[in-house]
C-alpha atoms as a PDB file:
ATOM      1  CA  UNK A   1      13.314  10.499  -9.067  1.00  0.00           C
ATOM      2  CA  UNK A   2      16.056   9.855  -6.543  1.00  0.00           C
ATOM      3  CA  UNK A   3      18.131   6.705  -7.070  1.00  0.00           C
ATOM      4  CA  UNK A   4      17.851   6.161  -3.293  1.00  0.00           C
ATOM      5  CA  UNK A   5      14.059   6.441  -3.223  1.00  0.00           C
ATOM      6  CA  UNK A   6      12.214   4.097  -0.862  1.00  0.00           C
ATOM      7  CA  UNK A   7       8.431   4.000  -0.998  1.00  0.00           C
ATOM      8  CA  UNK A   8       6.480   2.732   1.996  1.00  0.00           C
ATOM      9  CA  UNK A   9       3.157   1.276   0.819  1.00  0.00           C
ATOM     10  CA  UNK A  10       0.721   0.989   3.739  1.00  0.00           C
ATOM     11  CA  UNK A  11      -2.752  -0.500   3.699  1.00  0.00           C
ATOM     12  CA  UNK A  12      -5.348   1.346   5.765  1.00  0.00           C
ATOM     13  CA  UNK A  13      -6.486   0.149   9.194  1.00  0.00           C
ATOM     14  CA  UNK A  14      -9.776  -1.659   9.713  1.00  0.00           C
ATOM     15  CA  UNK A  15     -12.900   0.115   8.448  1.00  0.00           C
ATOM     16  CA  UNK A  16     -16.507  -0.533   9.410  1.00  0.00           C
ATOM     17  CA  UNK A  17     -17.161  -2.187   6.052  1.00  0.00           C
ATOM     18  CA  UNK A  18     -14.420  -4.753   6.829  1.00  0.00           C
ATOM     19  CA  UNK A  19     -16.259  -5.862   9.969  1.00  0.00           C
ATOM     20  CA  UNK A  20     -19.845  -5.849   8.758  1.00  0.00           C
ATOM     21  CA  UNK A  21     -19.030  -6.761   5.153  1.00  0.00           C
ATOM     22  CA  UNK A  22     -21.534  -4.021   4.361  1.00  0.00           C
ATOM     23  CA  UNK A  23     -20.280  -2.500   1.148  1.00  0.00           C
ATOM     24  CA  UNK A  24     -23.233  -0.116   0.921  1.00  0.00           C
ATOM     25  CA  UNK A  25     -21.619   2.189   3.507  1.00  0.00           C
ATOM     26  CA  UNK A  26     -20.417   5.386   1.841  1.00  0.00           C
ATOM     27  CA  UNK A  27     -16.718   6.031   2.477  1.00  0.00           C
ATOM     28  CA  UNK A  28     -16.753   4.361   5.909  1.00  0.00           C
ATOM     29  CA  UNK A  29     -14.569   5.469   8.791  1.00  0.00           C
ATOM     30  CA  UNK A  30     -12.212   3.349  10.852  1.00  0.00           C
ATOM     31  CA  UNK A  31     -13.626   1.164  13.595  1.00  0.00           C
ATOM     32  CA  UNK A  32     -12.381   1.644  17.176  1.00  0.00           C
ATOM     33  CA  UNK A  33     -10.024  -1.253  16.501  1.00  0.00           C
ATOM     34  CA  UNK A  34      -8.887   0.444  13.277  1.00  0.00           C
ATOM     35  CA  UNK A  35      -8.115   3.642  15.177  1.00  0.00           C
ATOM     36  CA  UNK A  36      -6.044   1.562  17.603  1.00  0.00           C
ATOM     37  CA  UNK A  37      -4.236  -0.143  14.708  1.00  0.00           C
ATOM     38  CA  UNK A  38      -3.308   3.223  13.202  1.00  0.00           C
ATOM     39  CA  UNK A  39      -2.050   4.574  16.541  1.00  0.00           C
ATOM     40  CA  UNK A  40       0.146   1.502  17.053  1.00  0.00           C
ATOM     41  CA  UNK A  41       2.099   2.529  13.949  1.00  0.00           C
ATOM     42  CA  UNK A  42       3.399   5.509  15.954  1.00  0.00           C
ATOM     43  CA  UNK A  43       5.335   3.217  18.288  1.00  0.00           C
ATOM     44  CA  UNK A  44       5.980   0.202  16.049  1.00  0.00           C
ATOM     45  CA  UNK A  45       9.791  -0.144  16.172  1.00  0.00           C
ATOM     46  CA  UNK A  46      10.195  -0.912  12.483  1.00  0.00           C
ATOM     47  CA  UNK A  47       8.142   2.150  11.516  1.00  0.00           C
ATOM     48  CA  UNK A  48      10.466   4.570  13.295  1.00  0.00           C
ATOM     49  CA  UNK A  49      12.681   4.867  10.215  1.00  0.00           C
ATOM     50  CA  UNK A  50       9.697   6.155   8.270  1.00  0.00           C
ATOM     51  CA  UNK A  51       8.605   8.526  11.025  1.00  0.00           C
ATOM     52  CA  UNK A  52      12.074  10.065  11.277  1.00  0.00           C
ATOM     53  CA  UNK A  53      12.767  10.350   7.549  1.00  0.00           C
ATOM     54  CA  UNK A  54       9.435  10.711   5.697  1.00  0.00           C
ATOM     55  CA  UNK A  55       9.550  13.622   3.247  1.00  0.00           C
ATOM     56  CA  UNK A  56       6.147  13.360   1.556  1.00  0.00           C
ATOM     57  CA  UNK A  57       2.870  11.592   2.363  1.00  0.00           C
ATOM     58  CA  UNK A  58       0.540  10.397  -0.398  1.00  0.00           C
ATOM     59  CA  UNK A  59      -2.955   9.181   0.387  1.00  0.00           C
ATOM     60  CA  UNK A  60      -6.103   8.016  -1.276  1.00  0.00           C
ATOM     61  CA  UNK A  61      -8.967  10.475  -0.645  1.00  0.00           C
ATOM     62  CA  UNK A  62     -11.044   7.856   1.137  1.00  0.00           C
ATOM     63  CA  UNK A  63     -11.761   8.476   4.796  1.00  0.00           C
ATOM     64  CA  UNK A  64     -10.110   5.303   6.105  1.00  0.00           C
ATOM     65  CA  UNK A  65      -6.759   6.011   4.448  1.00  0.00           C
ATOM     66  CA  UNK A  66      -6.747   9.619   5.638  1.00  0.00           C
ATOM     67  CA  UNK A  67      -7.568   8.499   9.176  1.00  0.00           C
ATOM     68  CA  UNK A  68      -4.804   5.885   9.059  1.00  0.00           C
ATOM     69  CA  UNK A  69      -2.245   8.390   7.789  1.00  0.00           C
ATOM     70  CA  UNK A  70      -3.128  10.933  10.451  1.00  0.00           C
ATOM     71  CA  UNK A  71      -3.465   8.311  13.168  1.00  0.00           C
ATOM     72  CA  UNK A  72       0.103   7.231  12.542  1.00  0.00           C
ATOM     73  CA  UNK A  73       1.844  10.455  11.442  1.00  0.00           C
ATOM     74  CA  UNK A  74      -0.202  13.446  12.654  1.00  0.00           C
ATOM     75  CA  UNK A  75       2.347  14.253  15.363  1.00  0.00           C
ATOM     76  CA  UNK A  76       5.124  14.221  12.741  1.00  0.00           C
ATOM     77  CA  UNK A  77       3.111  16.614  10.562  1.00  0.00           C
ATOM     78  CA  UNK A  78       2.742  18.979  13.507  1.00  0.00           C
ATOM     79  CA  UNK A  79       6.478  18.946  14.177  1.00  0.00           C
ATOM     80  CA  UNK A  80       7.716  19.674  10.672  1.00  0.00           C
ATOM     81  CA  UNK A  81       6.404  20.772   7.301  1.00  0.00           C
ATOM     82  CA  UNK A  82       5.808  17.700   5.141  1.00  0.00           C
ATOM     83  CA  UNK A  83       3.724  17.746   1.950  1.00  0.00           C
ATOM     84  CA  UNK A  84       0.582  15.621   2.369  1.00  0.00           C
ATOM     85  CA  UNK A  85      -0.803  14.987  -1.103  1.00  0.00           C
ATOM     86  CA  UNK A  86      -4.300  13.518  -1.397  1.00  0.00           C
ATOM     87  CA  UNK A  87      -4.316  11.896  -4.822  1.00  0.00           C
ATOM     88  CA  UNK A  88      -7.611  10.515  -6.186  1.00  0.00           C
ATOM     89  CA  UNK A  89      -5.850   8.033  -8.474  1.00  0.00           C
ATOM     90  CA  UNK A  90      -4.902   6.048  -5.351  1.00  0.00           C
ATOM     91  CA  UNK A  91      -8.526   5.404  -4.349  1.00  0.00           C
ATOM     92  CA  UNK A  92      -9.879   1.841  -4.135  1.00  0.00           C
ATOM     93  CA  UNK A  93     -10.862  -0.049  -7.282  1.00  0.00           C
ATOM     94  CA  UNK A  94     -14.520  -0.940  -7.024  1.00  0.00           C
ATOM     95  CA  UNK A  95     -17.511   1.281  -7.733  1.00  0.00           C
ATOM     96  CA  UNK A  96     -19.236   0.256  -4.498  1.00  0.00           C
ATOM     97  CA  UNK A  97     -20.249   2.979  -2.011  1.00  0.00           C
ATOM     98  CA  UNK A  98     -17.609   1.806   0.482  1.00  0.00           C
ATOM     99  CA  UNK A  99     -14.907   2.472  -2.121  1.00  0.00           C
ATOM    100  CA  UNK A 100     -16.286   5.840  -3.272  1.00  0.00           C
ATOM    101  CA  UNK A 101     -14.904   9.043  -1.699  1.00  0.00           C
ATOM    102  CA  UNK A 102     -17.371  11.243   0.143  1.00  0.00           C
ATOM    103  CA  UNK A 103     -18.281  14.800  -0.864  1.00  0.00           C
ATOM    104  CA  UNK A 104     -15.162  16.974  -1.129  1.00  0.00           C
ATOM    105  CA  UNK A 105     -16.496  19.691   1.186  1.00  0.00           C
ATOM    106  CA  UNK A 106     -17.188  17.098   3.892  1.00  0.00           C
ATOM    107  CA  UNK A 107     -13.702  15.668   3.595  1.00  0.00           C
ATOM    108  CA  UNK A 108     -12.112  19.112   3.701  1.00  0.00           C
ATOM    109  CA  UNK A 109     -14.079  20.028   6.797  1.00  0.00           C
ATOM    110  CA  UNK A 110     -13.058  16.819   8.494  1.00  0.00           C
ATOM    111  CA  UNK A 111      -9.357  16.732   7.647  1.00  0.00           C
ATOM    112  CA  UNK A 112      -7.854  19.989   6.335  1.00  0.00           C
ATOM    113  CA  UNK A 113      -7.195  21.425   9.790  1.00  0.00           C
ATOM    114  CA  UNK A 114      -5.353  18.324  10.973  1.00  0.00           C
ATOM    115  CA  UNK A 115      -2.037  18.574   9.203  1.00  0.00           C
ATOM    116  CA  UNK A 116       0.393  21.179   7.930  1.00  0.00           C
ATOM    117  CA  UNK A 117       0.755  20.687   4.197  1.00  0.00           C
ATOM    118  CA  UNK A 118      -2.386  18.541   3.824  1.00  0.00           C
ATOM    119  CA  UNK A 119      -3.869  19.359   0.422  1.00  0.00           C
ATOM    120  CA  UNK A 120      -6.980  18.331  -1.524  1.00  0.00           C
ATOM    121  CA  UNK A 121      -5.922  20.353  -4.576  1.00  0.00           C
ATOM    122  CA  UNK A 122      -5.629  17.232  -6.741  1.00  0.00           C
ATOM    123  CA  UNK A 123      -9.275  16.285  -6.085  1.00  0.00           C
ATOM    124  CA  UNK A 124     -10.986  17.857  -9.087  1.00  0.00           C
ATOM    125  CA  UNK A 125     -14.676  17.563 -10.055  1.00  0.00           C
ATOM    126  CA  UNK A 126     -15.461  13.943 -10.844  1.00  0.00           C
ATOM    127  CA  UNK A 127     -12.777  12.492  -8.540  1.00  0.00           C
ATOM    128  CA  UNK A 128     -15.489  10.471  -6.771  1.00  0.00           C
ATOM    129  CA  UNK A 129     -17.623   9.680  -9.831  1.00  0.00           C
ATOM    130  CA  UNK A 130     -16.198   6.189 -10.461  1.00  0.00           C
ATOM    131  CA  UNK A 131     -16.239   7.050 -14.143  1.00  0.00           C
ATOM    132  CA  UNK A 132     -13.561   7.618 -16.755  1.00  0.00           C
ATOM    133  CA  UNK A 133     -10.112   7.291 -15.200  1.00  0.00           C
ATOM    134  CA  UNK A 134     -11.763   6.190 -11.925  1.00  0.00           C
ATOM    135  CA  UNK A 135     -13.974   3.489 -13.448  1.00  0.00           C
ATOM    136  CA  UNK A 136     -13.860  -0.079 -12.128  1.00  0.00           C
ATOM    137  CA  UNK A 137     -13.030  -1.634 -15.503  1.00  0.00           C
ATOM    138  CA  UNK A 138      -9.840  -3.652 -15.900  1.00  0.00           C
ATOM    139  CA  UNK A 139      -8.590  -1.252 -18.561  1.00  0.00           C
ATOM    140  CA  UNK A 140      -9.111   1.794 -16.349  1.00  0.00           C
ATOM    141  CA  UNK A 141      -7.537   0.108 -13.328  1.00  0.00           C
ATOM    142  CA  UNK A 142      -4.453  -1.003 -15.250  1.00  0.00           C
ATOM    143  CA  UNK A 143      -4.021   2.533 -16.578  1.00  0.00           C
ATOM    144  CA  UNK A 144      -4.514   4.053 -13.124  1.00  0.00           C
ATOM    145  CA  UNK A 145      -1.992   1.698 -11.511  1.00  0.00           C
ATOM    146  CA  UNK A 146       0.562   2.549 -14.211  1.00  0.00           C
ATOM    147  CA  UNK A 147      -0.099   6.257 -13.645  1.00  0.00           C
ATOM    148  CA  UNK A 148       0.361   5.818  -9.878  1.00  0.00           C
ATOM    149  CA  UNK A 149       3.719   4.088 -10.338  1.00  0.00           C
ATOM    150  CA  UNK A 150       4.914   6.863 -12.653  1.00  0.00           C
ATOM    151  CA  UNK A 151       3.671   9.547 -10.262  1.00  0.00           C
ATOM    152  CA  UNK A 152       5.543   8.096  -7.291  1.00  0.00           C
ATOM    153  CA  UNK A 153       8.679   7.615  -9.349  1.00  0.00           C
ATOM    154  CA  UNK A 154       8.546  11.268 -10.444  1.00  0.00           C
ATOM    155  CA  UNK A 155       8.761  12.552  -6.864  1.00  0.00           C
ATOM    156  CA  UNK A 156      12.087  14.058  -5.828  1.00  0.00           C
ATOM    157  CA  UNK A 157      11.813  12.923  -2.221  1.00  0.00           C
ATOM    158  CA  UNK A 158      13.761   9.839  -1.133  1.00  0.00           C
ATOM    159  CA  UNK A 159      11.303   8.649   1.546  1.00  0.00           C
ATOM    160  CA  UNK A 160       7.650   8.455   0.527  1.00  0.00           C
ATOM    161  CA  UNK A 161       4.717   7.141   2.590  1.00  0.00           C
ATOM    162  CA  UNK A 162       1.666   5.955   0.639  1.00  0.00           C
ATOM    163  CA  UNK A 163      -1.629   5.106   2.372  1.00  0.00           C
ATOM    164  CA  UNK A 164      -3.761   3.001   0.098  1.00  0.00           C
ATOM    165  CA  UNK A 165      -6.098  -0.004  -0.337  1.00  0.00           C
ATOM    166  CA  UNK A 166      -5.628  -3.748  -0.741  1.00  0.00           C
ATOM    167  CA  UNK A 167      -7.242  -4.132  -4.171  1.00  0.00           C
ATOM    168  CA  UNK A 168      -5.441  -1.159  -5.681  1.00  0.00           C
ATOM    169  CA  UNK A 169      -2.146  -2.244  -4.116  1.00  0.00           C
ATOM    170  CA  UNK A 170      -2.611  -5.601  -5.829  1.00  0.00           C
ATOM    171  CA  UNK A 171      -2.816  -3.743  -9.143  1.00  0.00           C
ATOM    172  CA  UNK A 172       0.294  -1.741  -8.293  1.00  0.00           C
ATOM    173  CA  UNK A 173       2.188  -4.883  -7.238  1.00  0.00           C
ATOM    174  CA  UNK A 174       0.820  -7.518  -9.639  1.00  0.00           C
ATOM    175  CA  UNK A 175       3.746  -9.899  -9.109  1.00  0.00           C
ATOM    176  CA  UNK A 176       3.713  -9.854  -5.306  1.00  0.00           C
ATOM    177  CA  UNK A 177       1.579 -11.601  -2.688  1.00  0.00           C
ATOM    178  CA  UNK A 178      -2.077 -10.579  -3.048  1.00  0.00           C
ATOM    179  CA  UNK A 179      -2.741 -10.728   0.696  1.00  0.00           C
ATOM    180  CA  UNK A 180      -2.576  -7.424   2.592  1.00  0.00           C
ATOM    181  CA  UNK A 181      -3.411  -7.188   6.282  1.00  0.00           C
ATOM    182  CA  UNK A 182      -4.765  -3.966   7.749  1.00  0.00           C
ATOM    183  CA  UNK A 183      -1.791  -1.566   8.308  1.00  0.00           C
ATOM    184  CA  UNK A 184       0.635  -3.962   6.627  1.00  0.00           C
ATOM    185  CA  UNK A 185       3.563  -2.099   5.067  1.00  0.00           C
ATOM    186  CA  UNK A 186       5.780  -3.064   2.136  1.00  0.00           C
ATOM    187  CA  UNK A 187       8.856  -1.033   1.293  1.00  0.00           C
ATOM    188  CA  UNK A 188       9.534  -0.947  -2.431  1.00  0.00           C
ATOM    189  CA  UNK A 189      11.950   0.331  -5.045  1.00  0.00           C
ATOM    190  CA  UNK A 190      11.497   0.532  -8.788  1.00  0.00           C
ATOM    191  CA  UNK A 191      12.707  -2.127 -11.211  1.00  0.00           C
ATOM    192  CA  UNK A 192      12.562   0.091 -14.331  1.00  0.00           C
ATOM    193  CA  UNK A 193      14.662   3.111 -15.159  1.00  0.00           C
ATOM    194  CA  UNK A 194      12.533   4.868 -17.782  1.00  0.00           C
ATOM    195  CA  UNK A 195      10.061   7.307 -16.266  1.00  0.00           C
ATOM    196  CA  UNK A 196       7.553   6.702 -19.056  1.00  0.00           C
ATOM    197  CA  UNK A 197       7.779   2.891 -18.933  1.00  0.00           C
ATOM    198  CA  UNK A 198       4.289   1.666 -18.039  1.00  0.00           C
ATOM    199  CA  UNK A 199       5.582  -1.870 -17.530  1.00  0.00           C
ATOM    200  CA  UNK A 200       8.099  -0.943 -14.822  1.00  0.00           C
ATOM    201  CA  UNK A 201       7.027  -2.371 -11.494  1.00  0.00           C
ATOM    202  CA  UNK A 202       8.053  -2.250  -7.865  1.00  0.00           C
ATOM    203  CA  UNK A 203      10.507  -4.577  -6.213  1.00  0.00           C
ATOM    204  CA  UNK A 204       9.576  -5.302  -2.596  1.00  0.00           C
ATOM    205  CA  UNK A 205      12.661  -4.970  -0.397  1.00  0.00           C
ATOM    206  CA  UNK A 206      11.007  -5.391   3.008  1.00  0.00           C
ATOM    207  CA  UNK A 207       7.640  -6.217   4.586  1.00  0.00           C
ATOM    208  CA  UNK A 208       6.443  -5.037   7.981  1.00  0.00           C
ATOM    209  CA  UNK A 209       3.539  -7.054   9.349  1.00  0.00           C
ATOM    210  CA  UNK A 210       1.198  -5.249  11.740  1.00  0.00           C
ATOM    211  CA  UNK A 211       1.431  -5.587  15.496  1.00  0.00           C
ATOM    212  CA  UNK A 212      -1.890  -7.069  16.694  1.00  0.00           C
ATOM    213  CA  UNK A 213      -4.217  -4.500  18.226  1.00  0.00           C
ATOM    214  CA  UNK A 214      -6.569  -5.376  21.073  1.00  0.00           C
ATOM    215  CA  UNK A 215      -9.716  -3.808  22.463  1.00  0.00           C
ATOM    216  CA  UNK A 216     -11.334  -4.467  25.802  1.00  0.00           C
ATOM    217  CA  UNK A 217     -14.551  -5.497  24.043  1.00  0.00           C
ATOM    218  CA  UNK A 218     -14.171  -9.239  23.405  1.00  0.00           C
ATOM    219  CA  UNK A 219     -17.174  -9.264  21.084  1.00  0.00           C
ATOM    220  CA  UNK A 220     -15.449  -6.685  18.866  1.00  0.00           C
ATOM    221  CA  UNK A 221     -12.281  -8.791  18.796  1.00  0.00           C
ATOM    222  CA  UNK A 222     -14.266 -11.855  17.785  1.00  0.00           C
ATOM    223  CA  UNK A 223     -15.972 -10.042  14.939  1.00  0.00           C
ATOM    224  CA  UNK A 224     -12.740  -8.601  13.577  1.00  0.00           C
ATOM    225  CA  UNK A 225     -10.481 -11.651  13.682  1.00  0.00           C
ATOM    226  CA  UNK A 226      -8.892 -12.339  10.329  1.00  0.00           C
ATOM    227  CA  UNK A 227      -9.645  -8.883   8.919  1.00  0.00           C
END
């Protein structure tokens, strides 16, 4: 871990399940508005520091986080070699279909060609089972959040981008505001020094609220307000 490490925690853009509140959708994609939200991150002034200095990208294996990461940083990945680690421990908490990653072969076919360094090697059999380490129990979630904090702290890179989910981010930041807007970013540092300290948490040093995205379709805007 670098003493200068800054971790950019970013919630995914709007997914179809956010609009319809249909949690039976398996690993839903971003809506047209969500795609716009992700693309806005490319030009958001306060995100330019991340775009110019990011050294590793970490993402949940769910479709909406991968689409948000690529929607905002795909051009950066094409310009320079940056590790893009897809880590199943960062997936969303619940065992609903909308929070369950799709079949690995489908995800590979959809995303592997889109970024230099993009890797599914951490997605082993059972990564989308919602059992064991990925169960929705409080015990499993607390353990997974502690693991995620230790994993990020173990990285050598100073600038880390993490694309994740509101519920899991609440577990990772239990002492911070529980409200996360789509594409909201919080920059954090660690409060603990010991790499094995499960109780060490993040300290939020900055928050970047999303720039509102607009579509021509007024009906779509009405349905998505407040998401």
